[in-house]
Amino acid sequence: MIQRRHVLAGMLAAPAIVERANAQSQFDWKQCKGQSIEVNYQLSPRGDVTKARLAAFQEMTGIKVGFEQIPEQQQRPKVAMEMSTGHPSFDVVNVGMHVQKKLVERAKWMEDLRPYIADANLTNPDFDVGDFAPGSMRTATGPDGKINVLPLHEGPFILYWNKELFARKGFTAPPKTLDEMMTMAKALTDPANGVYGFVGRGLKNANVVLYDNILLGWDQETVTADGKTLLTDTPAAIEAATWFQKIMRECAPPGVIAFNWNESQTTFSQGRAAMWWDGLGFAAPLIDPTKSKIAGKVGFAPPPGGPKGQWSVAFLDAVGIPVASKNKKAAWMFTQWAAGKPILDEFLRSGSGVPPRMSPYQKAEIIEGGKFPKEFFDTTLASLKMIRSGLPVILPVTEFRDTIGAGLTNIIGGADPATEMKRVTAAFQPVLTKSNEG
């Protein structure tokens, strides 16, 4: 995996690129008038927002857009198959970089967007690539400095906390460290009254992303920077697994070993757990009185820090142009519009997504006019500034989650953390090695 705490050399030049693009701009939205492009998106609330504004884009540019949305489970294999042929049916494509980053980079599927961004004739002077969160741009950028995609949606993990349950125990603020979190979780656990200090993903595969966030507290990821060697059996990895085991066994509700995000969300929204550590995108139902018993009592905070750092895992949804596109200039018009400030502002305003731009969280008309408290926006912005990838940048991501997740489930069930982490590491290392031979 790339070291996300170090900004890639290519991104250090981003402000200069923006300055050149903005200087003496001769940009014209109509420069591709009469052309047609095909766009392929995953089915999502973000895609719905974009689709609803296609008529405005077409009127502004004169570009005709064919817009396809299909479910994620079908979209990813469709994109991979078409891209591998060298003749994709689309000129713009929606990419899940938390799953497809390695594939995109190895296969060299995507057009390098740096020349487009730097060209004042091609890029809207208000585009502002420097407005994107640094962590999001690091994921969007390859190890060679090539900007493969533009960020659309970033799903950082945060800590949800029940202010009423905290107050009953005299706690006035959420934990800032893993040690504080463990202490508070124990104090807040009251099985006799059906209340537990913590809830989180215990289910195989789903539990890996939570574990990854815990491990980042030791400033360690699950795979080496070159993507060749697992780090899931190191002393830090075993310590993180031991912490995970302790909070899940001593402070979480019975049956948590089978919980995914939805069971965790239900438990927390019913007031049966004081803390829940998961994706920020699950916040909306918690503040809805028709769906949540704790509406008005929910607190939001960045994830707690560990012995060597505080980070938030995140999962980047992005948009880019295939190298094989025959309409690249028109495709760039759409791409910069789709990742521009107005569209991403609407993601936040409507609750459709978490913009990886920084500016939406500073706009009073969005923050004051929405359903979420200011604490939510502050937490989102703080988490975006500390994001690192929630999954390793490797080809067999699904197999990784299945194998490591099975070990974590066993650990939650009571197995020895060191033994399990060493076992699953040994089991998956040959798979990872083989994936790097191609």
Protein backbone atom coordinates (compact mmCIF):
# COMPACT_ATOMS: atom_id res chain seq x y z
CA MET A 1 0.00 0.00 0.00
CA ILE A 2 1.10 3.54 -0.53
CA GLN A 3 2.08 5.49 2.57
CA ARG A 4 -0.87 7.87 2.77
CA ARG A 5 0.68 10.13 5.37
CA HIS A 6 3.17 11.31 2.73
CA VAL A 7 1.74 13.44 -0.07
CA LEU A 8 2.85 12.16 -3.42
CA ALA A 9 5.19 14.40 -5.36
CA GLY A 10 2.66 14.85 -8.13
CA MET A 11 0.12 16.27 -5.71
CA LEU A 12 2.53 18.76 -4.21
CA ALA A 13 2.18 20.67 -7.45
CA ALA A 14 -1.63 20.82 -7.28
CA PRO A 15 -1.87 24.49 -6.14
CA ALA A 16 0.47 25.51 -8.97
CA ILE A 17 -1.64 23.57 -11.45
CA VAL A 18 -4.74 25.39 -10.24
CA GLU A 19 -3.00 28.77 -10.45
CA ARG A 20 -1.97 28.15 -14.05
CA ALA A 21 -5.43 26.95 -14.98
CA ASN A 22 -7.08 30.00 -13.43
CA ALA A 23 -4.70 32.58 -14.84
CA GLN A 24 -6.04 34.38 -17.91
CA SER A 25 -8.64 31.69 -18.43
CA GLN A 26 -10.21 31.40 -21.85
CA PHE A 27 -12.45 28.56 -20.80
CA ASP A 28 -15.72 28.04 -22.69
CA TRP A 29 -18.30 25.44 -21.61
CA LYS A 30 -19.62 25.36 -25.20
CA GLN A 31 -16.36 24.29 -26.85
CA CYS A 32 -17.62 20.73 -27.43
CA LYS A 33 -21.12 21.70 -28.54
CA GLY A 34 -22.75 19.05 -30.70
CA GLN A 35 -20.67 16.15 -29.40
CA SER A 36 -22.04 13.09 -27.56
CA ILE A 37 -20.66 11.04 -24.69
CA GLU A 38 -21.70 7.94 -22.77
CA VAL A 39 -21.41 7.89 -18.97
CA ASN A 40 -21.44 4.80 -16.73
CA TYR A 41 -22.22 5.22 -13.00
CA GLN A 42 -22.95 2.94 -10.10
CA LEU A 43 -26.51 3.14 -8.83
CA SER A 44 -26.32 5.43 -5.79
CA PRO A 45 -27.79 8.62 -4.32
CA ARG A 46 -24.80 10.50 -5.77
CA GLY A 47 -25.61 9.21 -9.23
CA ASP A 48 -29.22 10.27 -8.75
CA VAL A 49 -28.15 13.83 -7.90
CA THR A 50 -25.96 13.96 -11.00
CA LYS A 51 -28.58 12.47 -13.26
CA ALA A 52 -31.19 14.94 -12.07
CA ARG A 53 -28.96 17.79 -13.28
CA LEU A 54 -28.01 16.35 -16.67
CA ALA A 55 -30.43 18.62 -18.54
CA ALA A 56 -28.71 21.67 -17.07
CA PHE A 57 -25.29 20.31 -18.08
CA GLN A 58 -26.45 19.55 -21.61
CA GLU A 59 -27.94 23.02 -21.98
CA MET A 60 -24.79 24.67 -20.59
CA THR A 61 -22.38 22.71 -22.82
CA GLY A 62 -24.36 21.57 -25.83
CA ILE A 63 -23.03 18.06 -25.18
CA LYS A 64 -25.49 15.18 -25.41
CA VAL A 65 -25.10 12.68 -22.55
CA GLY A 66 -26.15 9.05 -22.41
CA PHE A 67 -26.23 8.22 -18.70
CA GLU A 68 -26.31 4.61 -17.42
CA GLN A 69 -26.68 3.66 -13.76
CA ILE A 70 -26.42 0.04 -12.64
CA PRO A 71 -26.01 -1.61 -9.22
CA GLU A 72 -22.48 -1.81 -7.84
CA GLN A 73 -22.38 -5.62 -7.98
CA GLN A 74 -23.01 -5.51 -11.73
CA GLN A 75 -21.23 -2.25 -12.54
CA ARG A 76 -17.75 -3.25 -11.40
CA PRO A 77 -17.48 -6.48 -13.41
CA LYS A 78 -19.06 -4.78 -16.44
CA VAL A 79 -16.50 -1.98 -16.29
CA ALA A 80 -13.61 -4.41 -15.81
CA MET A 81 -14.71 -6.56 -18.74
CA GLU A 82 -15.21 -3.65 -21.13
CA MET A 83 -12.01 -1.89 -20.11
CA SER A 84 -9.99 -5.08 -20.60
CA THR A 85 -11.15 -5.27 -24.23
CA GLY A 86 -9.80 -1.80 -24.94
CA HIS A 87 -13.16 -0.76 -26.37
CA PRO A 88 -15.40 0.42 -23.53
CA SER A 89 -18.89 1.64 -24.39
CA PHE A 90 -18.49 4.69 -22.13
CA ASP A 91 -16.41 7.88 -22.20
CA VAL A 92 -16.74 8.61 -18.47
CA VAL A 93 -16.84 6.00 -15.73
CA ASN A 94 -17.59 5.88 -12.01
CA VAL A 95 -14.84 3.94 -10.16
CA GLY A 96 -14.72 2.55 -6.60
CA MET A 97 -11.06 3.23 -5.85
CA HIS A 98 -11.13 1.42 -2.50
CA VAL A 99 -11.63 -1.79 -4.50
CA GLN A 100 -10.32 -1.00 -7.99
CA LYS A 101 -7.33 1.29 -7.39
CA LYS A 102 -4.68 -1.39 -7.95
CA LEU A 103 -6.47 -2.73 -11.02
CA VAL A 104 -6.85 0.76 -12.51
CA GLU A 105 -3.18 1.54 -11.99
CA ARG A 106 -1.76 -1.78 -13.16
CA ALA A 107 -3.91 -1.95 -16.31
CA LYS A 108 -3.36 1.77 -17.08
CA TRP A 109 -7.03 2.13 -17.92
CA MET A 110 -7.52 5.78 -17.11
CA GLU A 111 -6.50 8.99 -18.82
CA ASP A 112 -4.04 11.16 -16.89
CA LEU A 113 -6.07 14.20 -15.86
CA ARG A 114 -3.11 16.45 -15.03
CA PRO A 115 -2.79 17.96 -18.54
CA TYR A 116 -6.51 18.76 -18.59
CA ILE A 117 -6.41 20.40 -15.17
CA ALA A 118 -3.37 22.48 -16.15
CA ASP A 119 -4.94 23.73 -19.41
CA ALA A 120 -6.76 27.03 -18.83
CA ASN A 121 -8.69 26.52 -22.05
CA LEU A 122 -10.06 23.16 -20.90
CA THR A 123 -10.68 23.70 -17.19
CA ASN A 124 -13.24 25.95 -15.55
CA PRO A 125 -11.31 28.53 -13.45
CA ASP A 126 -13.61 27.77 -10.50
CA PHE A 127 -12.79 24.06 -10.53
CA ASP A 128 -10.08 24.29 -7.80
CA VAL A 129 -8.39 20.89 -7.52
CA GLY A 130 -6.71 22.13 -4.33
CA ASP A 131 -10.12 22.05 -2.64
CA PHE A 132 -10.12 18.25 -2.58
CA ALA A 133 -9.09 16.57 0.69
CA PRO A 134 -5.41 15.54 0.48
CA GLY A 135 -6.18 11.94 1.42
CA SER A 136 -8.78 11.65 -1.34
CA MET A 137 -6.37 12.99 -3.93
CA ARG A 138 -3.67 10.58 -2.78
CA THR A 139 -6.03 7.69 -3.47
CA ALA A 140 -6.98 9.22 -6.83
CA THR A 141 -3.31 9.54 -7.76
CA GLY A 142 -1.04 6.69 -8.83
CA PRO A 143 2.48 6.05 -7.53
CA ASP A 144 3.80 7.69 -10.72
CA GLY A 145 1.97 10.94 -9.94
CA LYS A 146 -0.72 10.32 -12.54
CA ILE A 147 -4.16 11.63 -11.53
CA ASN A 148 -6.36 8.75 -12.68
CA VAL A 149 -9.72 9.99 -11.40
CA LEU A 150 -11.39 12.85 -9.56
CA PRO A 151 -12.91 12.19 -6.10
CA LEU A 152 -16.69 12.19 -5.83
CA HIS A 153 -17.58 10.70 -2.46
CA GLU A 154 -15.48 9.75 0.54
CA GLY A 155 -16.92 7.55 3.29
CA PRO A 156 -14.83 8.18 6.41
CA PHE A 157 -15.43 6.26 9.62
CA ILE A 158 -16.49 8.29 12.66
CA LEU A 159 -17.58 7.62 16.22
CA TYR A 160 -21.28 7.94 17.03
CA TRP A 161 -22.01 8.42 20.74
CA ASN A 162 -25.21 8.59 22.80
CA LYS A 163 -25.12 11.84 24.76
CA GLU A 164 -27.88 10.76 27.15
CA LEU A 165 -26.14 7.51 28.12
CA PHE A 166 -22.84 9.36 28.52
CA ALA A 167 -24.42 11.96 30.79
CA ARG A 168 -25.84 9.29 33.08
CA LYS A 169 -22.29 8.16 33.83
CA GLY A 170 -20.93 11.69 34.12
CA PHE A 171 -19.16 11.71 30.75
CA THR A 172 -19.46 15.02 28.92
CA ALA A 173 -17.39 14.33 25.81
CA PRO A 174 -16.51 11.40 23.54
CA PRO A 175 -13.22 9.52 23.93
CA LYS A 176 -10.18 10.85 22.13
CA THR A 177 -8.01 7.75 22.50
CA LEU A 178 -8.49 3.99 22.37
CA ASP A 179 -7.60 3.75 26.05
CA GLU A 180 -10.28 6.30 26.96
CA MET A 181 -12.76 4.48 24.76
CA MET A 182 -12.15 1.16 26.47
CA THR A 183 -12.55 2.75 29.92
CA MET A 184 -15.77 4.50 28.94
CA ALA A 185 -17.18 1.45 27.18
CA LYS A 186 -16.71 -0.65 30.31
CA ALA A 187 -18.34 1.98 32.50
CA LEU A 188 -21.28 2.36 30.13
CA THR A 189 -21.95 -1.37 29.83
CA ASP A 190 -25.04 -2.38 31.82
CA PRO A 191 -26.26 -5.82 30.67
CA ALA A 192 -28.99 -5.93 33.33
CA ASN A 193 -30.70 -3.02 31.58
CA GLY A 194 -29.83 -4.14 28.05
CA VAL A 195 -27.31 -1.35 27.48
CA TYR A 196 -23.77 -1.87 26.21
CA GLY A 197 -20.83 0.45 25.93
CA PHE A 198 -19.97 -0.36 22.33
CA VAL A 199 -21.26 -1.93 19.15
CA GLY A 200 -19.46 -2.58 15.88
CA ARG A 201 -19.04 -5.00 13.00
CA GLY A 202 -18.21 -8.51 14.10
CA LEU A 203 -19.31 -10.39 10.99
CA LYS A 204 -16.64 -12.03 8.84
CA ASN A 205 -15.50 -9.80 5.96
CA ALA A 206 -17.40 -6.75 7.27
CA ASN A 207 -15.27 -6.62 10.43
CA VAL A 208 -12.01 -6.04 8.54
CA VAL A 209 -12.59 -2.35 7.88
CA LEU A 210 -13.23 -1.65 11.56
CA TYR A 211 -10.13 -3.60 12.51
CA ASP A 212 -8.15 -1.66 9.92
CA ASN A 213 -9.15 1.61 11.56
CA ILE A 214 -8.11 0.30 14.98
CA LEU A 215 -4.75 -0.83 13.55
CA LEU A 216 -4.10 2.62 12.11
CA GLY A 217 -3.90 3.80 15.70
CA TRP A 218 -0.52 2.03 15.70
CA ASP A 219 0.26 3.86 12.43
CA GLN A 220 0.30 0.56 10.59
CA GLU A 221 -1.61 -0.72 7.58
CA THR A 222 -2.34 -4.32 6.70
CA VAL A 223 0.02 -4.66 3.73
CA THR A 224 3.46 -3.20 2.97
CA ALA A 225 3.79 -0.11 0.77
CA ASP A 226 4.70 -2.25 -2.26
CA GLY A 227 1.57 -4.39 -1.82
CA LYS A 228 3.57 -7.61 -1.54
CA THR A 229 3.73 -8.56 2.12
CA LEU A 230 1.03 -8.88 4.75
CA LEU A 231 1.49 -7.03 8.04
CA THR A 232 -1.38 -8.73 9.84
CA ASP A 233 0.84 -10.79 12.15
CA THR A 234 3.13 -8.03 13.48
CA PRO A 235 3.19 -7.07 17.17
CA ALA A 236 1.07 -4.00 16.36
CA ALA A 237 -1.46 -6.07 14.40
CA ILE A 238 -1.79 -8.51 17.29
CA GLU A 239 -2.16 -5.68 19.82
CA ALA A 240 -4.90 -4.13 17.70
CA ALA A 241 -6.67 -7.50 17.41
CA THR A 242 -6.42 -7.94 21.18
CA TRP A 243 -7.99 -4.51 21.77
CA PHE A 244 -10.74 -5.37 19.28
CA GLN A 245 -11.40 -8.67 21.04
CA LYS A 246 -11.59 -7.05 24.46
CA ILE A 247 -14.09 -4.33 23.57
CA MET A 248 -16.27 -6.72 21.57
CA ARG A 249 -16.33 -9.44 24.21
CA GLU A 250 -16.63 -7.26 27.31
CA CYS A 251 -18.60 -4.22 26.11
CA ALA A 252 -20.73 -5.26 23.12
CA PRO A 253 -24.16 -6.96 23.05
CA PRO A 254 -24.63 -10.72 22.70
CA GLY A 255 -24.55 -11.86 19.09
CA VAL A 256 -22.26 -9.04 17.94
CA ILE A 257 -20.09 -11.66 16.24
CA ALA A 258 -22.77 -11.76 13.51
CA PHE A 259 -23.32 -7.99 13.26
CA ASN A 260 -22.70 -6.00 10.09
CA TRP A 261 -23.27 -2.23 9.89
CA ASN A 262 -27.07 -2.58 9.73
CA GLU A 263 -27.38 -4.60 12.95
CA SER A 264 -24.98 -2.19 14.63
CA GLN A 265 -26.98 0.78 13.40
CA THR A 266 -30.23 -0.69 14.70
CA THR A 267 -28.71 -1.45 18.10
CA PHE A 268 -27.35 2.07 18.44
CA SER A 269 -30.52 3.78 17.17
CA GLN A 270 -32.58 1.89 19.77
CA GLY A 271 -30.44 3.24 22.59
CA ARG A 272 -28.90 -0.15 23.39
CA ALA A 273 -25.29 0.89 22.75
CA ALA A 274 -23.46 3.99 23.93
CA MET A 275 -20.91 4.07 21.07
CA TRP A 276 -20.82 2.89 17.49
CA TRP A 277 -17.74 3.17 15.23
CA ASP A 278 -18.65 3.03 11.54
CA GLY A 279 -19.19 4.95 8.33
CA LEU A 280 -20.41 8.52 8.36
CA GLY A 281 -22.82 7.68 5.56
CA PHE A 282 -25.05 5.83 8.03
CA ALA A 283 -25.87 8.97 10.02
CA ALA A 284 -29.16 10.09 8.47
CA PRO A 285 -31.51 7.49 10.06
CA LEU A 286 -30.02 8.17 13.50
CA ILE A 287 -31.35 11.73 13.59
CA ASP A 288 -34.75 10.84 12.09
CA PRO A 289 -37.39 10.60 14.88
CA THR A 290 -39.44 8.20 12.77
CA LYS A 291 -36.51 5.74 12.61
CA SER A 292 -34.48 6.37 15.74
CA LYS A 293 -35.30 6.36 19.45
CA ILE A 294 -32.28 8.55 20.14
CA ALA A 295 -32.89 11.35 17.63
CA GLY A 296 -31.61 14.56 19.20
CA LYS A 297 -29.24 12.65 21.48
CA VAL A 298 -26.64 11.54 18.93
CA GLY A 299 -23.11 12.87 19.14
CA PHE A 300 -20.55 12.77 16.33
CA ALA A 301 -16.77 12.62 16.74
CA PRO A 302 -13.66 11.59 14.78
CA PRO A 303 -12.36 8.07 15.52
CA PRO A 304 -10.24 7.80 18.68
CA GLY A 305 -6.48 7.82 18.34
CA GLY A 306 -4.16 4.96 19.17
CA PRO A 307 -0.62 4.86 20.57
CA LYS A 308 0.90 6.24 17.37
CA GLY A 309 -1.74 8.30 15.63
CA GLN A 310 -5.32 9.18 14.88
CA TRP A 311 -6.79 8.26 11.52
CA SER A 312 -10.09 7.53 9.82
CA VAL A 313 -10.49 4.77 7.26
CA ALA A 314 -12.33 5.85 4.14
CA PHE A 315 -13.61 4.49 0.85
CA LEU A 316 -13.32 6.63 -2.26
CA ASP A 317 -15.88 6.80 -5.05
CA ALA A 318 -14.50 8.64 -8.08
CA VAL A 319 -14.99 9.52 -11.74
CA GLY A 320 -12.57 9.45 -14.67
CA ILE A 321 -12.00 9.06 -18.40
CA PRO A 322 -10.91 5.77 -19.98
CA VAL A 323 -7.77 5.99 -22.10
CA ALA A 324 -9.78 4.36 -24.88
CA SER A 325 -12.47 7.07 -24.91
CA LYS A 326 -12.97 8.57 -28.36
CA ASN A 327 -14.48 11.79 -26.96
CA LYS A 328 -11.96 12.81 -24.32
CA LYS A 329 -12.42 16.56 -24.52
CA ALA A 330 -16.19 16.34 -24.09
CA ALA A 331 -15.67 13.68 -21.44
CA TRP A 332 -13.46 16.09 -19.50
CA MET A 333 -16.21 18.72 -19.63
CA PHE A 334 -18.51 16.25 -17.91
CA THR A 335 -15.88 14.95 -15.47
CA GLN A 336 -14.92 18.36 -14.12
CA TRP A 337 -18.59 19.30 -13.85
CA ALA A 338 -19.51 16.05 -12.07
CA ALA A 339 -16.72 16.59 -9.51
CA GLY A 340 -17.21 20.34 -9.33
CA LYS A 341 -18.27 22.36 -6.32
CA PRO A 342 -22.01 22.79 -7.18
CA ILE A 343 -22.63 19.04 -7.56
CA LEU A 344 -20.63 18.08 -4.48
CA ASP A 345 -22.33 20.85 -2.49
CA GLU A 346 -25.63 19.21 -3.37
CA PHE A 347 -24.36 15.83 -2.17
CA LEU A 348 -23.90 17.33 1.29
CA ARG A 349 -27.03 19.45 1.26
CA SER A 350 -29.25 16.51 0.32
CA GLY A 351 -27.45 13.96 2.49
CA SER A 352 -26.61 11.95 -0.63
CA GLY A 353 -22.91 11.65 0.06
CA VAL A 354 -19.79 12.92 1.79
CA PRO A 355 -18.03 15.39 -0.51
CA PRO A 356 -14.24 14.95 -0.57
CA ARG A 357 -13.95 18.70 -1.15
CA MET A 358 -13.29 20.92 1.85
CA SER A 359 -15.36 23.96 0.84
CA PRO A 360 -18.91 22.54 1.29
CA TYR A 361 -18.35 22.23 5.04
CA GLN A 362 -17.63 25.94 5.30
CA LYS A 363 -20.80 27.17 3.60
CA ALA A 364 -23.37 28.52 6.01
CA GLU A 365 -26.26 28.02 3.60
CA ILE A 366 -25.56 24.27 3.60
CA ILE A 367 -24.74 23.81 7.27
CA GLU A 368 -27.44 26.03 8.75
CA GLY A 369 -30.14 24.94 6.36
CA GLY A 370 -29.70 21.19 6.82
CA LYS A 371 -31.04 18.60 9.24
CA PHE A 372 -27.68 17.80 10.82
CA PRO A 373 -26.14 19.67 13.77
CA LYS A 374 -22.94 21.64 13.31
CA GLU A 375 -21.09 18.91 15.23
CA PHE A 376 -21.78 16.56 12.32
CA PHE A 377 -20.13 18.88 9.80
CA ASP A 378 -17.20 19.59 12.09
CA THR A 379 -16.65 15.86 12.55
CA THR A 380 -16.89 15.19 8.83
CA LEU A 381 -14.34 17.86 8.02
CA ALA A 382 -11.98 16.71 10.78
CA SER A 383 -12.24 13.09 9.63
CA LEU A 384 -11.59 14.02 6.00
CA LYS A 385 -8.31 15.59 7.08
CA MET A 386 -7.13 12.32 8.65
CA ILE A 387 -8.28 9.70 6.15
CA ARG A 388 -6.34 6.67 5.01
CA SER A 389 -7.65 3.82 2.90
CA GLY A 390 -9.84 1.32 4.69
CA LEU A 391 -8.61 -1.56 2.53
CA PRO A 392 -5.20 -2.50 1.10
CA VAL A 393 -4.42 -1.55 -2.48
CA ILE A 394 -4.22 -5.11 -3.83
CA LEU A 395 -6.03 -7.06 -6.50
CA PRO A 396 -7.59 -9.84 -4.32
CA VAL A 397 -9.37 -7.43 -1.95
CA THR A 398 -12.42 -9.65 -1.49
CA GLU A 399 -10.33 -12.71 -0.63
CA PHE A 400 -8.33 -10.59 1.79
CA ARG A 401 -11.51 -9.52 3.61
CA ASP A 402 -12.83 -13.07 3.73
CA THR A 403 -9.62 -14.62 5.08
CA ILE A 404 -8.62 -11.96 7.60
CA GLY A 405 -12.26 -11.45 8.56
CA ALA A 406 -12.67 -15.12 9.44
CA GLY A 407 -9.72 -14.84 11.80
CA LEU A 408 -11.15 -11.73 13.43
CA THR A 409 -14.50 -13.46 13.91
CA ASN A 410 -12.71 -16.32 15.65
CA ILE A 411 -10.89 -13.82 17.85
CA ILE A 412 -14.15 -12.15 18.84
CA GLY A 413 -15.39 -15.63 19.64
CA GLY A 414 -12.49 -16.13 22.07
CA ALA A 415 -9.59 -17.48 20.01
CA ASP A 416 -6.06 -16.36 20.85
CA PRO A 417 -5.33 -13.17 18.82
CA ALA A 418 -1.67 -13.98 18.12
CA THR A 419 -2.42 -17.52 16.96
CA GLU A 420 -5.29 -16.47 14.71
CA MET A 421 -3.56 -13.49 13.13
CA LYS A 422 -0.51 -15.60 12.34
CA ARG A 423 -2.71 -18.36 10.92
CA VAL A 424 -4.72 -16.13 8.57
CA THR A 425 -1.61 -14.25 7.51
CA ALA A 426 0.06 -17.50 6.51
CA ALA A 427 -3.10 -18.56 4.67
CA PHE A 428 -3.45 -15.39 2.60
CA GLN A 429 0.20 -14.56 1.86
CA PRO A 430 0.42 -17.10 -1.03
CA VAL A 431 -2.71 -15.57 -2.57
CA LEU A 432 -1.20 -12.10 -2.35
CA THR A 433 2.12 -13.29 -3.74
CA LYS A 434 0.46 -14.96 -6.71
CA SER A 435 -1.59 -11.82 -7.44
CA ASN A 436 1.63 -9.84 -7.76
CA GLU A 437 3.16 -12.20 -10.31
CA GLY A 438 1.06 -11.00 -13.20
